Amino acid sequence: MYGRRTWSIRVRMTVMAAAVTAVICAVLTLVIGAGVRGRESEYRREQATTAALQLAYQIKRDRVSAQLAAPDKVDVQVLNDRRMVIAATPGVRGRTPMASFVPEGDSVYAAKVLCPPTGLSGCMSVVAFRVYQPGGDWTVYAAAKSIPWYVNSSLSTFLVSVSLLVILLAALRTWRTVDQTLAPVDAIRAELTEITARRSGHRVPVPENRDEVRLLAEAANATLDRLDAALERQRSFTSDASHDLRSPITAARAQLEEALMYPEEVDWPRTGRSVLQSLDRLQAIVTDLLELARLDAGKWSDTEPVDLAALVTIELARADRSKRIVTHLQEGVTINGDRLRLVRLLTNLLDNAERHAETRVDVSVRREGDTGVLEVLDDGGGVAEADREIVFQRFARLRDGRDRDAGGTGLGLPIAREIAKSHGGDLTIEDSERGARFVMRVALSTPRRHDEPY
């Protein structure tokens, strides 16, 4: 199926502006035409009325001649008391009366529009005056040509020409304005097409005008900053992952090559155990990488209510720890989540705390408002404030951590933070008098009631 063709913004805006201008011009043309036609019609009626009044005056003074003169486009007739035409302008002389109506009752004036009057053509405004005479009332008719709807061809041509000119100017102005407005957008688009994964340092030009296009450019640059940061993290992650994966592989290969060179002198069980340790480290790294990939992809199993206090109690009972674990658990702190992933988070925090603690690790579960809090605190040397975000970077390991556990992957804490974020919370390091204090905060599945104490 072919996609629907659409016009460009320039064409659409220009056509829209031209159409709106055309409607406005049409309305104004009609208004002007109606106004001019009304004024012209009123002027014609006044001419006819004036001509009829003059004849009425002449009749009263007995000065009416058979051949009458009247303004242009005005026809006049004088009828005696027997309704005979005794005087008229050349166009209606010798003809029957142009109208049959007369002023009613005591009225001396009447007016109608006849289409056409007798002996004439076209619609005309006809006025009738009753003139008193001793032998009987006379009637004076004066007819003026009606004005057509277009008034006249000259006015119509002028209005149409002006309208077309205004529409053309509006279209050209709109095209130019839209073109100037979209010029920065074209520059942004051209710059974005040059950006690739290999050439990611470009930034789009920011217009000087503080308008929506400037906001778009700033948003695009902010997005590019984030993309560059993500690419840099990806490169760093790939480099670190390659290094960490290569180390156990290289160690195992070296041990096997050395054993194969002197097979009679090698302690094969010892070599096997060494290679197995390298494979265990390699498996741990691959497992953590797969877990991070699943977390990044947002793959979820069905969630369920998880009681944090019960989870901590069960997990601490499953395995012995090398350091003393002290718990401070508040019941009823329940969140919605993936139980297995929350267990992984707790295990990673406990493993990290054990590596750095001197003798004791405190695990706390409590409620703060509508938030559930899980806290793991060790009595070790702690983490410097400047390094509190570094420890959550993938494969990032501080010197103290490498000295205590050279076989670590550097992925435990990043995995724990990603699990917390996937549950709508966060995992941070907060201040403590001694040691490192890891705190996870996640919204409760059952918010606290207003009448329930903290």
Protein backbone atom coordinates (compact mmCIF):
# COMPACT_ATOMS: atom_id res chain seq x y z
CA MET A 1 0.00 0.00 0.00
CA TYR A 2 1.35 3.39 -0.96
CA GLY A 3 1.72 5.96 1.77
CA ARG A 4 -0.42 9.04 1.68
CA ARG A 5 1.33 11.95 0.03
CA THR A 6 1.46 15.10 2.07
CA TRP A 7 2.52 18.57 1.18
CA SER A 8 5.44 20.24 2.87
CA ILE A 9 4.84 22.63 5.74
CA ARG A 10 5.80 25.57 3.53
CA VAL A 11 3.17 24.64 0.93
CA ARG A 12 0.49 23.87 3.52
CA MET A 13 1.02 27.10 5.45
CA THR A 14 1.12 29.13 2.23
CA VAL A 15 -2.08 27.54 0.92
CA MET A 16 -3.76 28.03 4.28
CA ALA A 17 -2.74 31.69 4.46
CA ALA A 18 -3.88 32.26 0.87
CA ALA A 19 -7.22 30.57 1.58
CA VAL A 20 -7.80 32.63 4.73
CA THR A 21 -6.84 35.82 2.90
CA ALA A 22 -9.16 34.89 0.03
CA VAL A 23 -12.07 34.41 2.44
CA ILE A 24 -11.34 37.76 4.11
CA CYS A 25 -11.05 39.51 0.76
CA ALA A 26 -14.31 37.93 -0.43
CA VAL A 27 -16.11 39.09 2.69
CA LEU A 28 -14.67 42.59 2.40
CA THR A 29 -15.55 42.70 -1.31
CA LEU A 30 -19.15 41.75 -0.56
CA VAL A 31 -19.36 44.29 2.25
CA ILE A 32 -17.89 47.04 0.09
CA GLY A 33 -20.10 46.10 -2.86
CA ALA A 34 -23.22 46.04 -0.67
CA GLY A 35 -22.29 49.40 0.82
CA VAL A 36 -21.65 51.02 -2.55
CA ARG A 37 -24.81 49.47 -4.00
CA GLY A 38 -26.87 50.78 -1.09
CA ARG A 39 -25.47 54.26 -1.42
CA GLU A 40 -25.98 54.25 -5.19
CA SER A 41 -29.54 52.95 -4.88
CA GLU A 42 -30.34 55.60 -2.29
CA TYR A 43 -28.88 58.25 -4.57
CA ARG A 44 -31.02 57.05 -7.50
CA ARG A 45 -34.18 57.08 -5.37
CA GLU A 46 -33.36 60.59 -4.20
CA GLN A 47 -32.96 61.65 -7.87
CA ALA A 48 -36.32 60.16 -8.76
CA THR A 49 -38.00 61.71 -5.71
CA THR A 50 -36.50 65.11 -6.45
CA ALA A 51 -37.63 64.95 -10.10
CA ALA A 52 -41.17 63.98 -9.03
CA LEU A 53 -41.34 66.82 -6.48
CA GLN A 54 -40.21 69.31 -9.07
CA LEU A 55 -42.98 68.14 -11.43
CA ALA A 56 -45.53 68.36 -8.60
CA TYR A 57 -44.46 71.95 -8.06
CA GLN A 58 -44.73 72.70 -11.79
CA ILE A 59 -48.19 71.13 -11.93
CA LYS A 60 -49.38 73.37 -9.14
CA ARG A 61 -48.16 76.37 -11.12
CA ASP A 62 -49.50 75.07 -14.45
CA ARG A 63 -46.03 74.98 -16.03
CA VAL A 64 -45.96 71.34 -17.17
CA SER A 65 -44.86 70.77 -20.77
CA ALA A 66 -45.49 67.59 -22.74
CA GLN A 67 -41.79 66.85 -23.04
CA LEU A 68 -40.09 66.57 -19.66
CA ALA A 69 -36.44 66.55 -18.70
CA ALA A 70 -35.07 64.36 -15.90
CA PRO A 71 -31.70 63.23 -14.57
CA ASP A 72 -29.88 60.45 -16.37
CA LYS A 73 -31.38 56.98 -15.83
CA VAL A 74 -34.59 58.44 -14.40
CA ASP A 75 -37.92 58.21 -16.29
CA VAL A 76 -40.90 60.43 -15.34
CA GLN A 77 -44.61 60.45 -16.30
CA VAL A 78 -47.46 62.80 -15.39
CA LEU A 79 -50.98 61.38 -15.36
CA ASN A 80 -54.13 63.48 -15.19
CA ASP A 81 -57.23 62.65 -13.22
CA ARG A 82 -58.34 60.23 -15.99
CA ARG A 83 -55.04 58.26 -15.75
CA MET A 84 -53.84 59.51 -19.14
CA VAL A 85 -50.17 60.32 -19.72
CA ILE A 86 -50.04 64.02 -20.52
CA ALA A 87 -46.31 64.56 -20.03
CA ALA A 88 -43.28 62.27 -19.90
CA THR A 89 -39.58 61.98 -20.51
CA PRO A 90 -38.57 60.73 -23.98
CA GLY A 91 -38.18 57.10 -22.93
CA VAL A 92 -41.78 56.69 -21.74
CA ARG A 93 -43.59 59.34 -23.83
CA GLY A 94 -46.65 58.09 -25.71
CA ARG A 95 -46.84 54.89 -23.65
CA THR A 96 -49.19 53.55 -21.10
CA PRO A 97 -48.65 54.47 -17.42
CA MET A 98 -45.50 52.81 -16.08
CA ALA A 99 -47.29 51.83 -12.84
CA SER A 100 -50.79 51.26 -11.58
CA PHE A 101 -50.37 51.89 -7.85
CA VAL A 102 -51.25 55.24 -6.29
CA PRO A 103 -50.73 56.65 -2.79
CA GLU A 104 -53.45 55.30 -0.52
CA GLY A 105 -55.85 57.34 1.57
CA ASP A 106 -54.58 60.76 2.58
CA SER A 107 -50.98 59.86 1.69
CA VAL A 108 -49.36 61.82 -1.12
CA TYR A 109 -46.37 59.49 -1.56
CA ALA A 110 -45.82 55.81 -2.35
CA ALA A 111 -42.85 53.75 -3.60
CA LYS A 112 -42.41 50.24 -5.01
CA VAL A 113 -39.87 48.18 -6.90
CA LEU A 114 -41.31 46.90 -10.17
CA CYS A 115 -39.62 44.24 -12.31
CA PRO A 116 -40.13 45.77 -14.78
CA PRO A 117 -42.41 48.83 -14.91
CA THR A 118 -44.80 48.89 -17.85
CA GLY A 119 -42.98 49.82 -21.04
CA LEU A 120 -39.54 49.57 -19.45
CA SER A 121 -37.03 46.79 -18.85
CA GLY A 122 -35.29 45.56 -15.75
CA CYS A 123 -36.15 46.17 -12.14
CA MET A 124 -36.67 49.82 -11.22
CA SER A 125 -37.57 51.78 -8.09
CA VAL A 126 -40.80 53.71 -8.82
CA VAL A 127 -42.12 56.56 -6.67
CA ALA A 128 -45.61 58.02 -7.00
CA PHE A 129 -46.83 61.44 -5.83
CA ARG A 130 -50.48 62.53 -5.60
CA VAL A 131 -50.98 66.14 -6.72
CA TYR A 132 -54.26 67.90 -5.87
CA GLN A 133 -56.09 69.53 -8.77
CA PRO A 134 -59.61 71.07 -8.72
CA GLY A 135 -60.89 68.65 -11.37
CA GLY A 136 -59.31 65.59 -9.74
CA ASP A 137 -55.98 64.37 -8.40
CA TRP A 138 -53.06 63.95 -10.79
CA THR A 139 -50.25 61.41 -10.34
CA VAL A 140 -46.55 61.79 -10.95
CA TYR A 141 -44.43 58.67 -11.47
CA ALA A 142 -40.63 58.69 -11.39
CA ALA A 143 -38.66 55.48 -12.02
CA ALA A 144 -34.93 55.02 -11.34
CA LYS A 145 -32.86 52.09 -12.58
CA SER A 146 -32.07 49.52 -9.86
CA ILE A 147 -28.39 48.88 -9.15
CA PRO A 148 -27.17 45.33 -10.06
CA TRP A 149 -25.54 43.20 -7.31
CA TYR A 150 -22.07 43.86 -8.73
CA VAL A 151 -22.87 47.63 -8.88
CA ASN A 152 -20.82 48.10 -12.05
CA SER A 153 -18.07 46.28 -13.96
CA SER A 154 -15.40 48.84 -13.11
CA LEU A 155 -15.88 48.49 -9.36
CA SER A 156 -16.04 44.69 -9.61
CA THR A 157 -12.85 44.56 -11.67
CA PHE A 158 -11.10 46.85 -9.21
CA LEU A 159 -12.16 44.85 -6.14
CA VAL A 160 -11.24 41.50 -7.72
CA SER A 161 -7.86 42.83 -8.84
CA VAL A 162 -7.07 44.21 -5.40
CA SER A 163 -8.17 40.94 -3.78
CA LEU A 164 -5.94 38.86 -6.06
CA LEU A 165 -3.02 41.17 -5.36
CA VAL A 166 -3.56 40.93 -1.59
CA ILE A 167 -3.84 37.12 -1.78
CA LEU A 168 -0.61 36.93 -3.79
CA LEU A 169 1.25 39.21 -1.36
CA ALA A 170 -0.06 37.22 1.62
CA ALA A 171 1.04 33.94 0.03
CA LEU A 172 4.52 35.28 -0.78
CA ARG A 173 4.91 36.76 2.69
CA THR A 174 3.76 33.53 4.33
CA TRP A 175 6.15 31.46 2.20
CA ARG A 176 9.04 33.74 3.11
CA THR A 177 8.16 33.78 6.81
CA VAL A 178 7.76 30.00 6.99
CA ASP A 179 10.97 29.54 5.01
CA GLN A 180 12.87 31.78 7.43
CA THR A 181 11.28 29.98 10.38
CA LEU A 182 12.16 26.53 9.06
CA ALA A 183 15.68 27.46 8.00
CA PRO A 184 17.07 26.59 11.48
CA VAL A 185 15.08 23.36 11.39
CA ASP A 186 16.70 22.47 8.06
CA ALA A 187 20.10 23.23 9.58
CA ILE A 188 19.27 21.00 12.57
CA ARG A 189 18.13 18.21 10.25
CA ALA A 190 21.26 18.51 8.10
CA GLU A 191 23.47 18.34 11.17
CA LEU A 192 21.59 15.36 12.60
CA THR A 193 22.06 13.41 9.36
CA GLU A 194 25.83 13.75 9.80
CA ILE A 195 25.76 12.20 13.27
CA THR A 196 26.63 8.53 13.47
CA ALA A 197 28.01 6.25 16.15
CA ARG A 198 31.52 6.99 14.87
CA ARG A 199 30.97 10.72 14.45
CA SER A 200 28.92 11.52 17.52
CA GLY A 201 30.52 14.76 18.62
CA HIS A 202 28.35 17.03 16.49
CA ARG A 203 25.86 19.49 17.92
CA VAL A 204 23.03 21.21 16.08
CA PRO A 205 23.16 25.00 15.66
CA VAL A 206 21.12 26.97 18.19
CA PRO A 207 19.20 29.96 16.69
CA GLU A 208 19.59 33.37 18.28
CA ASN A 209 15.84 33.95 18.56
CA ARG A 210 14.33 32.65 21.78
CA ASP A 211 11.47 30.69 20.27
CA GLU A 212 10.24 27.13 19.91
CA VAL A 213 12.93 26.29 17.35
CA ARG A 214 15.61 27.33 19.84
CA LEU A 215 14.00 25.09 22.45
CA LEU A 216 14.00 22.27 19.89
CA ALA A 217 17.70 22.81 19.17
CA GLU A 218 18.56 22.91 22.87
CA ALA A 219 16.54 19.74 23.48
CA ALA A 220 18.29 18.04 20.54
CA ASN A 221 21.70 19.03 21.89
CA ALA A 222 20.76 17.80 25.36
CA THR A 223 19.67 14.50 23.81
CA LEU A 224 22.94 14.30 21.89
CA ASP A 225 24.83 14.95 25.13
CA ARG A 226 23.03 12.04 26.74
CA LEU A 227 23.65 9.86 23.69
CA ASP A 228 27.34 10.71 23.72
CA ALA A 229 27.51 9.94 27.42
CA ALA A 230 25.70 6.64 26.80
CA LEU A 231 28.04 5.80 23.92
CA GLU A 232 31.03 6.60 26.09
CA ARG A 233 29.66 4.40 28.85
CA GLN A 234 29.02 1.67 26.29
CA ARG A 235 32.58 1.91 24.98
CA SER A 236 33.94 1.91 28.50
CA PHE A 237 31.68 -0.99 29.43
CA THR A 238 32.73 -2.95 26.34
CA SER A 239 36.40 -2.28 27.07
CA ASP A 240 36.08 -3.23 30.73
CA ALA A 241 33.97 -6.28 29.92
CA SER A 242 36.50 -7.40 27.32
CA HIS A 243 39.32 -6.96 29.82
CA ASP A 244 37.49 -8.80 32.60
CA LEU A 245 36.45 -11.60 30.27
CA ARG A 246 39.92 -11.89 28.78
CA SER A 247 41.66 -12.15 32.15
CA PRO A 248 40.22 -15.54 33.27
CA ILE A 249 40.43 -16.87 29.72
CA THR A 250 44.08 -15.83 29.46
CA ALA A 251 44.88 -17.30 32.86
CA ALA A 252 43.25 -20.62 32.03
CA ARG A 253 44.95 -20.76 28.63
CA ALA A 254 48.35 -20.01 30.12
CA GLN A 255 47.96 -22.74 32.74
CA LEU A 256 46.86 -25.29 30.17
CA GLU A 257 49.63 -24.39 27.72
CA GLU A 258 52.23 -24.70 30.48
CA ALA A 259 50.76 -28.03 31.57
CA LEU A 260 50.82 -29.37 28.01
CA MET A 261 54.46 -28.38 27.58
CA TYR A 262 55.50 -30.49 30.57
CA PRO A 263 52.73 -33.02 31.03
CA GLU A 264 54.83 -35.42 33.14
CA GLU A 265 55.76 -32.74 35.65
CA VAL A 266 52.30 -31.14 36.06
CA ASP A 267 50.02 -31.63 39.04
CA TRP A 268 46.90 -32.14 36.96
CA PRO A 269 44.38 -31.98 39.81
CA ARG A 270 45.86 -28.66 40.93
CA THR A 271 45.86 -27.34 37.36
CA GLY A 272 42.26 -28.42 36.93
CA ARG A 273 41.25 -26.60 40.10
CA SER A 274 43.05 -23.44 38.90
CA VAL A 275 41.35 -23.62 35.51
CA LEU A 276 38.04 -24.27 37.21
CA GLN A 277 38.50 -21.12 39.30
CA SER A 278 39.08 -19.13 36.13
CA LEU A 279 35.97 -20.66 34.59
CA ASP A 280 33.98 -19.84 37.72
CA ARG A 281 35.02 -16.21 37.46
CA LEU A 282 34.19 -16.22 33.75
CA GLN A 283 30.78 -17.73 34.46
CA ALA A 284 30.10 -15.15 37.18
CA ILE A 285 30.94 -12.31 34.80
CA VAL A 286 28.76 -13.74 32.01
CA THR A 287 25.88 -14.33 34.45
CA ASP A 288 26.06 -10.75 35.70
CA LEU A 289 26.24 -9.41 32.15
CA LEU A 290 23.15 -11.39 31.18
CA GLU A 291 21.32 -10.09 34.24
CA LEU A 292 22.23 -6.51 33.35
CA ALA A 293 21.08 -7.10 29.77
CA ARG A 294 17.73 -8.38 31.01
CA LEU A 295 17.39 -5.39 33.33
CA ASP A 296 18.29 -2.96 30.53
CA ALA A 297 15.72 -4.64 28.26
CA GLY A 298 13.06 -4.24 30.95
CA LYS A 299 12.04 -7.90 30.83
CA TRP A 300 9.76 -8.61 33.77
CA SER A 301 8.04 -11.59 35.23
CA ASP A 302 4.74 -11.20 37.01
CA THR A 303 4.97 -9.02 40.10
CA GLU A 304 3.70 -10.00 43.50
CA PRO A 305 3.48 -8.43 46.96
CA VAL A 306 6.83 -8.91 48.71
CA ASP A 307 7.25 -8.39 52.47
CA LEU A 308 10.76 -7.00 52.83
CA ALA A 309 11.13 -8.12 56.45
CA ALA A 310 10.12 -11.69 55.59
CA LEU A 311 12.43 -11.70 52.57
CA VAL A 312 15.41 -10.62 54.70
CA THR A 313 14.61 -13.20 57.39
CA ILE A 314 14.33 -16.07 54.89
CA GLU A 315 17.51 -15.16 52.99
CA LEU A 316 19.61 -14.75 56.13
CA ALA A 317 18.45 -18.18 57.34
CA ARG A 318 19.47 -19.89 54.10
CA ALA A 319 23.21 -19.27 54.30
CA ASP A 320 25.83 -18.61 56.92
CA ARG A 321 27.69 -15.34 56.82
CA SER A 322 31.26 -14.65 57.80
CA LYS A 323 30.26 -11.50 59.70
CA ARG A 324 27.67 -11.03 62.39
CA ILE A 325 24.35 -9.89 60.92
CA VAL A 326 22.12 -7.69 63.11
CA THR A 327 18.58 -7.09 61.90
CA HIS A 328 16.14 -4.26 62.62
CA LEU A 329 12.94 -5.31 60.87
CA GLN A 330 9.58 -3.59 60.85
CA GLU A 331 6.70 -5.83 59.85
CA GLY A 332 4.18 -5.02 57.16
CA VAL A 333 6.59 -3.23 54.79
CA THR A 334 5.25 -4.68 51.52
CA ILE A 335 6.13 -3.66 47.96
CA ASN A 336 5.11 -5.00 44.56
CA GLY A 337 7.96 -6.59 42.68
CA ASP A 338 9.90 -9.62 41.47
CA ARG A 339 10.90 -11.66 44.51
CA LEU A 340 13.90 -13.30 42.83
CA ARG A 341 15.35 -10.00 41.72
CA LEU A 342 14.83 -8.47 45.16
CA VAL A 343 16.65 -11.47 46.63
CA ARG A 344 19.49 -10.82 44.16
CA LEU A 345 19.62 -7.18 45.28
CA LEU A 346 19.77 -8.14 48.96
CA THR A 347 22.41 -10.81 48.30
CA ASN A 348 24.61 -8.38 46.37
CA LEU A 349 24.37 -5.80 49.16
CA LEU A 350 25.17 -8.39 51.84
CA ASP A 351 28.12 -9.77 49.83
CA ASN A 352 29.49 -6.26 49.38
CA ALA A 353 28.99 -5.45 53.09
CA GLU A 354 30.74 -8.68 54.14
CA ARG A 355 33.79 -7.87 52.05
CA HIS A 356 34.22 -4.47 53.71
CA ALA A 357 32.85 -4.97 57.23
CA GLU A 358 35.15 -5.49 60.21
CA THR A 359 32.84 -7.55 62.42
CA ARG A 360 29.23 -6.54 61.91
CA VAL A 361 26.58 -5.83 59.28
CA ASP A 362 23.24 -4.19 60.16
CA VAL A 363 20.18 -4.88 57.98
CA SER A 364 17.12 -2.65 58.51
CA VAL A 365 13.62 -2.66 57.05
CA ARG A 366 11.25 0.18 57.88
CA ARG A 367 8.47 2.34 56.53
CA GLU A 368 8.89 6.05 55.79
CA GLY A 369 5.49 7.48 54.85
CA ASP A 370 4.40 5.65 51.69
CA THR A 371 7.91 4.34 51.01
CA GLY A 372 9.53 1.07 52.00
CA VAL A 373 13.20 1.30 53.02
CA LEU A 374 15.81 -1.49 52.98
CA GLU A 375 19.15 -0.50 54.52
CA VAL A 376 22.44 -2.42 54.72
CA LEU A 377 25.15 -0.88 56.92
CA ASP A 378 28.64 -2.27 57.55
CA ASP A 379 31.24 -1.16 60.09
CA GLY A 380 34.07 -0.97 57.57
CA GLY A 381 35.98 1.96 56.19
CA GLY A 382 33.03 3.33 54.22
CA VAL A 383 32.92 4.99 50.82
CA ALA A 384 34.21 8.50 50.22
CA GLU A 385 31.51 10.94 49.13
CA ALA A 386 33.29 11.54 45.81
CA ASP A 387 33.19 7.78 45.07
CA ARG A 388 29.53 7.14 45.95
CA GLU A 389 28.39 7.18 42.34
CA ILE A 390 31.51 5.54 40.96
CA VAL A 391 30.81 2.29 42.81
CA PHE A 392 27.53 1.96 40.87
CA GLN A 393 29.30 2.13 37.51
CA ARG A 394 29.69 -1.17 35.72
CA PHE A 395 33.07 -2.89 36.30
CA ALA A 396 34.11 0.03 38.52
CA ARG A 397 36.00 -1.22 41.56
CA LEU A 398 37.74 0.92 44.15
CA ARG A 399 41.24 0.02 45.26
CA ASP A 400 40.03 -1.22 48.65
CA GLY A 401 37.58 -3.55 46.96
CA ARG A 402 40.21 -5.01 44.64
CA ASP A 403 42.53 -5.60 47.57
CA ARG A 404 39.84 -7.41 49.57
CA ASP A 405 38.42 -9.50 46.71
CA ALA A 406 40.46 -9.70 43.52
CA GLY A 407 37.94 -12.09 41.98
CA GLY A 408 34.97 -9.75 42.09
CA THR A 409 33.24 -8.76 38.87
CA GLY A 410 32.44 -5.13 39.71
CA LEU A 411 28.84 -5.71 38.62
CA GLY A 412 27.10 -6.51 41.90
CA LEU A 413 26.25 -2.96 42.95
CA PRO A 414 25.26 -1.83 39.42
CA ILE A 415 22.91 -4.82 39.22
CA ALA A 416 21.45 -3.95 42.64
CA ARG A 417 20.77 -0.35 41.57
CA GLU A 418 19.18 -1.44 38.29
CA ILE A 419 16.90 -3.82 40.20
CA ALA A 420 15.86 -0.98 42.53
CA LYS A 421 15.17 1.30 39.56
CA SER A 422 13.17 -1.43 37.79
CA HIS A 423 10.90 -1.43 40.86
CA GLY A 424 10.35 2.32 40.60
CA GLY A 425 12.82 3.12 43.40
CA ASP A 426 16.49 3.86 43.79
CA LEU A 427 19.59 2.64 45.61
CA THR A 428 22.01 5.19 47.05
CA ILE A 429 24.80 5.52 49.59
CA GLU A 430 23.89 7.83 52.45
CA ASP A 431 25.87 9.35 55.31
CA SER A 432 26.73 7.23 58.33
CA GLU A 433 29.02 7.54 61.33
CA ARG A 434 31.05 4.54 60.20
CA GLY A 435 31.08 2.21 57.23
CA ALA A 436 29.02 2.25 54.07
CA ARG A 437 25.24 2.71 54.36
CA PHE A 438 23.36 1.44 51.30
CA VAL A 439 19.69 2.51 51.26
CA MET A 440 16.99 1.32 48.85
CA ARG A 441 13.69 3.20 48.72
CA VAL A 442 10.66 1.78 46.88
CA ALA A 443 6.99 2.82 47.00
CA LEU A 444 4.80 0.59 49.17
CA SER A 445 2.12 -1.54 47.58
CA THR A 446 -0.34 -0.46 50.31
CA PRO A 447 0.13 3.27 51.10
CA ARG A 448 -0.16 4.31 54.73
CA ARG A 449 -3.62 5.33 55.91
CA HIS A 450 -4.01 8.81 57.37
CA ASP A 451 -5.04 7.40 60.76
CA GLU A 452 -2.12 4.93 60.85
CA PRO A 453 0.94 6.03 62.94
CA TYR A 454 4.40 5.97 61.48
